[in-house]
Amino acid sequence: MRKIGVYVDTSVFGGTQDEEFSEASQRFFNQVRAGTLNTL
C-alpha cells in the first residue's frame, strides 16, 4: 500500500473541541490512528 501525505489545517484539530465538528474530526483522527483513512 502506498503511503500518502496529508495536510491537516489547525481547524481540524480545533474541530475536536467544537460540538458541531467534533464527530467528523474524531472520526478523521481515529482513521489516521487505525491506518484506515479512505482516500479518493
PDB file of N, CA and C in Angstrom:
ATOM      1  N   MET A   1       0.847  -1.172   0.000  1.00  0.00           N
ATOM      2  CA  MET A   1       0.000   0.000   0.000  1.00  0.00           C
ATOM      3  C   MET A   1       0.893   1.236   0.000  1.00  0.00           C
ATOM      4  N   ARG A   2       0.506   2.201  -0.782  1.00  0.00           N
ATOM      5  CA  ARG A   2       1.268   3.436  -0.895  1.00  0.00           C
ATOM      6  C   ARG A   2       0.882   4.394   0.227  1.00  0.00           C
ATOM      7  N   LYS A   3       1.876   4.972   0.876  1.00  0.00           N
ATOM      8  CA  LYS A   3       1.604   5.970   1.914  1.00  0.00           C
ATOM      9  C   LYS A   3       1.345   7.309   1.246  1.00  0.00           C
ATOM     10  N   ILE A   4       0.449   8.084   1.844  1.00  0.00           N
ATOM     11  CA  ILE A   4       0.149   9.409   1.328  1.00  0.00           C
ATOM     12  C   ILE A   4       0.472  10.456   2.372  1.00  0.00           C
ATOM     13  N   GLY A   5       0.718  11.651   1.917  1.00  0.00           N
ATOM     14  CA  GLY A   5       0.905  12.773   2.820  1.00  0.00           C
ATOM     15  C   GLY A   5      -0.414  13.512   2.956  1.00  0.00           C
ATOM     16  N   VAL A   6      -0.700  13.983   4.139  1.00  0.00           N
ATOM     17  CA  VAL A   6      -1.948  14.697   4.384  1.00  0.00           C
ATOM     18  C   VAL A   6      -1.624  15.993   5.105  1.00  0.00           C
ATOM     19  N   TYR A   7      -2.125  17.089   4.568  1.00  0.00           N
ATOM     20  CA  TYR A   7      -2.009  18.374   5.241  1.00  0.00           C
ATOM     21  C   TYR A   7      -3.255  18.572   6.089  1.00  0.00           C
ATOM     22  N   VAL A   8      -3.075  18.765   7.384  1.00  0.00           N
ATOM     23  CA  VAL A   8      -4.216  18.966   8.280  1.00  0.00           C
ATOM     24  C   VAL A   8      -4.125  20.372   8.851  1.00  0.00           C
ATOM     25  N   ASP A   9      -5.103  21.180   8.502  1.00  0.00           N
ATOM     26  CA  ASP A   9      -5.171  22.545   8.990  1.00  0.00           C
ATOM     27  C   ASP A   9      -5.482  22.530  10.484  1.00  0.00           C
ATOM     28  N   THR A  10      -5.114  23.577  11.172  1.00  0.00           N
ATOM     29  CA  THR A  10      -5.364  23.640  12.616  1.00  0.00           C
ATOM     30  C   THR A  10      -6.856  23.579  12.949  1.00  0.00           C
ATOM     31  N   SER A  11      -7.705  23.938  11.993  1.00  0.00           N
ATOM     32  CA  SER A  11      -9.141  23.888  12.261  1.00  0.00           C
ATOM     33  C   SER A  11      -9.630  22.460  12.463  1.00  0.00           C
ATOM     34  N   VAL A  12      -8.935  21.473  11.899  1.00  0.00           N
ATOM     35  CA  VAL A  12      -9.321  20.075  12.108  1.00  0.00           C
ATOM     36  C   VAL A  12      -9.023  19.684  13.551  1.00  0.00           C
ATOM     37  N   PHE A  13      -7.890  20.116  14.065  1.00  0.00           N
ATOM     38  CA  PHE A  13      -7.569  19.860  15.471  1.00  0.00           C
ATOM     39  C   PHE A  13      -8.560  20.577  16.381  1.00  0.00           C
ATOM     40  N   GLY A  14      -8.850  21.839  16.073  1.00  0.00           N
ATOM     41  CA  GLY A  14      -9.804  22.606  16.862  1.00  0.00           C
ATOM     42  C   GLY A  14     -11.211  22.021  16.790  1.00  0.00           C
ATOM     43  N   GLY A  15     -11.516  21.374  15.664  1.00  0.00           N
ATOM     44  CA  GLY A  15     -12.832  20.775  15.497  1.00  0.00           C
ATOM     45  C   GLY A  15     -13.128  19.687  16.503  1.00  0.00           C
ATOM     46  N   THR A  16     -12.095  19.099  17.070  1.00  0.00           N
ATOM     47  CA  THR A  16     -12.320  18.060  18.082  1.00  0.00           C
ATOM     48  C   THR A  16     -12.942  18.641  19.344  1.00  0.00           C
ATOM     49  N   GLN A  17     -12.799  19.950  19.527  1.00  0.00           N
ATOM     50  CA  GLN A  17     -13.325  20.612  20.723  1.00  0.00           C
ATOM     51  C   GLN A  17     -14.619  21.376  20.445  1.00  0.00           C
ATOM     52  N   ASP A  18     -15.075  21.345  19.192  1.00  0.00           N
ATOM     53  CA  ASP A  18     -16.276  22.080  18.787  1.00  0.00           C
ATOM     54  C   ASP A  18     -17.418  21.091  18.572  1.00  0.00           C
ATOM     55  N   GLU A  19     -18.526  21.307  19.256  1.00  0.00           N
ATOM     56  CA  GLU A  19     -19.646  20.366  19.193  1.00  0.00           C
ATOM     57  C   GLU A  19     -20.096  20.096  17.756  1.00  0.00           C
ATOM     58  N   GLU A  20     -20.100  21.118  16.922  1.00  0.00           N
ATOM     59  CA  GLU A  20     -20.584  20.973  15.545  1.00  0.00           C
ATOM     60  C   GLU A  20     -19.676  20.061  14.708  1.00  0.00           C
ATOM     61  N   PHE A  21     -18.368  20.099  14.936  1.00  0.00           N
ATOM     62  CA  PHE A  21     -17.426  19.370  14.101  1.00  0.00           C
ATOM     63  C   PHE A  21     -16.728  18.214  14.809  1.00  0.00           C
ATOM     64  N   SER A  22     -17.037  18.013  16.066  1.00  0.00           N
ATOM     65  CA  SER A  22     -16.334  17.019  16.867  1.00  0.00           C
ATOM     66  C   SER A  22     -16.412  15.606  16.283  1.00  0.00           C
ATOM     67  N   GLU A  23     -17.589  15.176  15.880  1.00  0.00           N
ATOM     68  CA  GLU A  23     -17.747  13.808  15.374  1.00  0.00           C
ATOM     69  C   GLU A  23     -16.886  13.567  14.132  1.00  0.00           C
ATOM     70  N   ALA A  24     -16.922  14.476  13.185  1.00  0.00           N
ATOM     71  CA  ALA A  24     -16.149  14.311  11.956  1.00  0.00           C
ATOM     72  C   ALA A  24     -14.646  14.373  12.232  1.00  0.00           C
ATOM     73  N   SER A  25     -14.230  15.300  13.098  1.00  0.00           N
ATOM     74  CA  SER A  25     -12.813  15.420  13.422  1.00  0.00           C
ATOM     75  C   SER A  25     -12.305  14.176  14.147  1.00  0.00           C
ATOM     76  N   GLN A  26     -13.075  13.687  15.101  1.00  0.00           N
ATOM     77  CA  GLN A  26     -12.678  12.473  15.826  1.00  0.00           C
ATOM     78  C   GLN A  26     -12.611  11.275  14.891  1.00  0.00           C
ATOM     79  N   ARG A  27     -13.577  11.178  13.971  1.00  0.00           N
ATOM     80  CA  ARG A  27     -13.578  10.084  13.006  1.00  0.00           C
ATOM     81  C   ARG A  27     -12.317  10.129  12.136  1.00  0.00           C
ATOM     82  N   PHE A  28     -11.930  11.333  11.697  1.00  0.00           N
ATOM     83  CA  PHE A  28     -10.710  11.502  10.911  1.00  0.00           C
ATOM     84  C   PHE A  28      -9.495  11.000  11.685  1.00  0.00           C
ATOM     85  N   PHE A  29      -9.318  11.469  12.920  1.00  0.00           N
ATOM     86  CA  PHE A  29      -8.154  11.077  13.709  1.00  0.00           C
ATOM     87  C   PHE A  29      -8.171   9.591  14.056  1.00  0.00           C
ATOM     88  N   ASN A  30      -9.331   9.037  14.312  1.00  0.00           N
ATOM     89  CA  ASN A  30      -9.424   7.598  14.577  1.00  0.00           C
ATOM     90  C   ASN A  30      -8.991   6.791  13.354  1.00  0.00           C
ATOM     91  N   GLN A  31      -9.382   7.234  12.158  1.00  0.00           N
ATOM     92  CA  GLN A  31      -8.988   6.534  10.931  1.00  0.00           C
ATOM     93  C   GLN A  31      -7.488   6.661  10.692  1.00  0.00           C
ATOM     94  N   VAL A  32      -6.931   7.821  10.997  1.00  0.00           N
ATOM     95  CA  VAL A  32      -5.479   8.002  10.848  1.00  0.00           C
ATOM     96  C   VAL A  32      -4.747   7.053  11.789  1.00  0.00           C
ATOM     97  N   ARG A  33      -5.168   7.005  13.061  1.00  0.00           N
ATOM     98  CA  ARG A  33      -4.519   6.126  14.029  1.00  0.00           C
ATOM     99  C   ARG A  33      -4.624   4.648  13.636  1.00  0.00           C
ATOM    100  N   ALA A  34      -5.771   4.276  13.104  1.00  0.00           N
ATOM    101  CA  ALA A  34      -6.004   2.876  12.732  1.00  0.00           C
ATOM    102  C   ALA A  34      -5.380   2.513  11.382  1.00  0.00           C
ATOM    103  N   GLY A  35      -4.954   3.520  10.639  1.00  0.00           N
ATOM    104  CA  GLY A  35      -4.384   3.255   9.314  1.00  0.00           C
ATOM    105  C   GLY A  35      -5.437   2.914   8.277  1.00  0.00           C
ATOM    106  N   THR A  36      -6.663   3.357   8.512  1.00  0.00           N
ATOM    107  CA  THR A  36      -7.753   3.024   7.599  1.00  0.00           C
ATOM    108  C   THR A  36      -8.347   4.244   6.917  1.00  0.00           C
ATOM    109  N   LEU A  37      -7.605   5.338   6.858  1.00  0.00           N
ATOM    110  CA  LEU A  37      -8.098   6.564   6.234  1.00  0.00           C
ATOM    111  C   LEU A  37      -8.378   6.297   4.765  1.00  0.00           C
ATOM    112  N   ASN A  38      -9.622   6.501   4.366  1.00  0.00           N
ATOM    113  CA  ASN A  38     -10.001   6.318   2.962  1.00  0.00           C
ATOM    114  C   ASN A  38      -9.634   7.537   2.158  1.00  0.00           C
ATOM    115  N   THR A  39      -9.032   7.329   1.004  1.00  0.00           N
ATOM    116  CA  THR A  39      -8.647   8.435   0.141  1.00  0.00           C
ATOM    117  C   THR A  39      -9.394   8.345  -1.175  1.00  0.00           C
ATOM    118  N   LEU A  40      -9.475   9.459  -1.838  1.00  0.00           N
ATOM    119  CA  LEU A  40     -10.146   9.499  -3.147  1.00  0.00           C
ATOM    120  C   LEU A  40      -9.174   9.169  -4.247  1.00  0.00           C
TER     121      LEU A  40
END
